[in-house]
Amino acid sequence: MLLIHAYHQSRGRKPSKILVPDTAHGTNPASAALCGYRPIPVASNDKGILSLESVAKVMDETQQG
């Protein structure tokens, strides 16, 4: 997470959100929050896989992930 943060910072970007699959370990959203991002959960299907539609539904210009 710190690497992602440093990458965007080096390019003058300041995204405020990061997409986190609902199947991710609980430390992933916590790590995102510690880096100053607001974690946005993304729903997976019944097989635990993200669909393009579920990602597109929550995606905007302030996310990274």
Protein backbone atom coordinates (compact mmCIF):
# COMPACT_ATOMS: atom_id res chain seq x y z
CA MET A 1 0.00 0.00 0.00
CA LEU A 2 2.85 2.37 0.80
CA LEU A 3 4.37 1.60 -2.59
CA ILE A 4 1.13 2.52 -4.36
CA HIS A 5 0.91 5.68 -2.28
CA ALA A 6 4.53 6.64 -3.11
CA TYR A 7 3.94 5.99 -6.82
CA HIS A 8 0.98 8.37 -7.00
CA GLN A 9 2.67 10.92 -4.79
CA SER A 10 5.74 10.96 -7.09
CA ARG A 11 3.42 11.84 -9.99
CA GLY A 12 1.60 14.58 -8.12
CA ARG A 13 -1.61 12.58 -7.84
CA LYS A 14 -3.62 12.49 -4.64
CA PRO A 15 -6.32 9.83 -4.99
CA SER A 16 -8.57 9.60 -1.96
CA LYS A 17 -10.10 6.15 -2.45
CA ILE A 18 -8.94 2.63 -3.21
CA LEU A 19 -11.05 -0.31 -4.36
CA VAL A 20 -10.87 -3.37 -2.11
CA PRO A 21 -12.58 -6.66 -3.00
CA ASP A 22 -14.97 -7.95 -0.35
CA THR A 23 -12.88 -11.14 -0.31
CA ALA A 24 -9.72 -9.26 0.76
CA HIS A 25 -8.18 -9.86 4.17
CA GLY A 26 -9.27 -7.33 6.78
CA THR A 27 -5.80 -5.81 6.97
CA ASN A 28 -6.06 -4.56 3.36
CA PRO A 29 -8.72 -1.90 4.02
CA ALA A 30 -6.99 -1.08 7.31
CA SER A 31 -3.68 -0.54 5.51
CA ALA A 32 -5.42 1.65 2.94
CA ALA A 33 -6.93 3.77 5.71
CA LEU A 34 -3.53 4.15 7.40
CA CYS A 35 -2.18 5.55 4.11
CA GLY A 36 -4.99 8.10 4.01
CA TYR A 37 -7.28 6.35 1.52
CA ARG A 38 -10.93 5.56 1.96
CA PRO A 39 -11.40 1.87 1.14
CA ILE A 40 -14.34 1.19 -1.18
CA PRO A 41 -15.60 -2.41 -1.00
CA VAL A 42 -16.28 -4.18 -4.30
CA ALA A 43 -18.72 -7.08 -4.28
CA SER A 44 -17.64 -10.45 -5.68
CA ASN A 45 -19.89 -13.09 -7.19
CA ASP A 46 -20.85 -16.41 -5.59
CA LYS A 47 -17.48 -17.87 -6.69
CA GLY A 48 -15.52 -15.06 -5.05
CA ILE A 49 -14.57 -13.42 -8.36
CA LEU A 50 -14.92 -9.74 -9.22
CA SER A 51 -16.87 -8.91 -12.34
CA LEU A 52 -16.15 -5.96 -14.60
CA GLU A 53 -19.64 -4.70 -13.84
CA SER A 54 -19.10 -4.66 -10.06
CA VAL A 55 -15.83 -2.76 -10.46
CA ALA A 56 -17.31 -0.30 -12.98
CA LYS A 57 -20.21 0.36 -10.61
CA VAL A 58 -17.92 1.83 -7.92
CA MET A 59 -15.10 3.20 -10.11
CA ASP A 60 -14.51 6.92 -10.58
CA GLU A 61 -11.52 9.22 -11.09
CA THR A 62 -10.63 9.32 -7.37
CA GLN A 63 -9.91 5.59 -7.04
CA GLN A 64 -6.84 3.53 -7.51
CA GLY A 65 -6.57 -0.19 -7.28
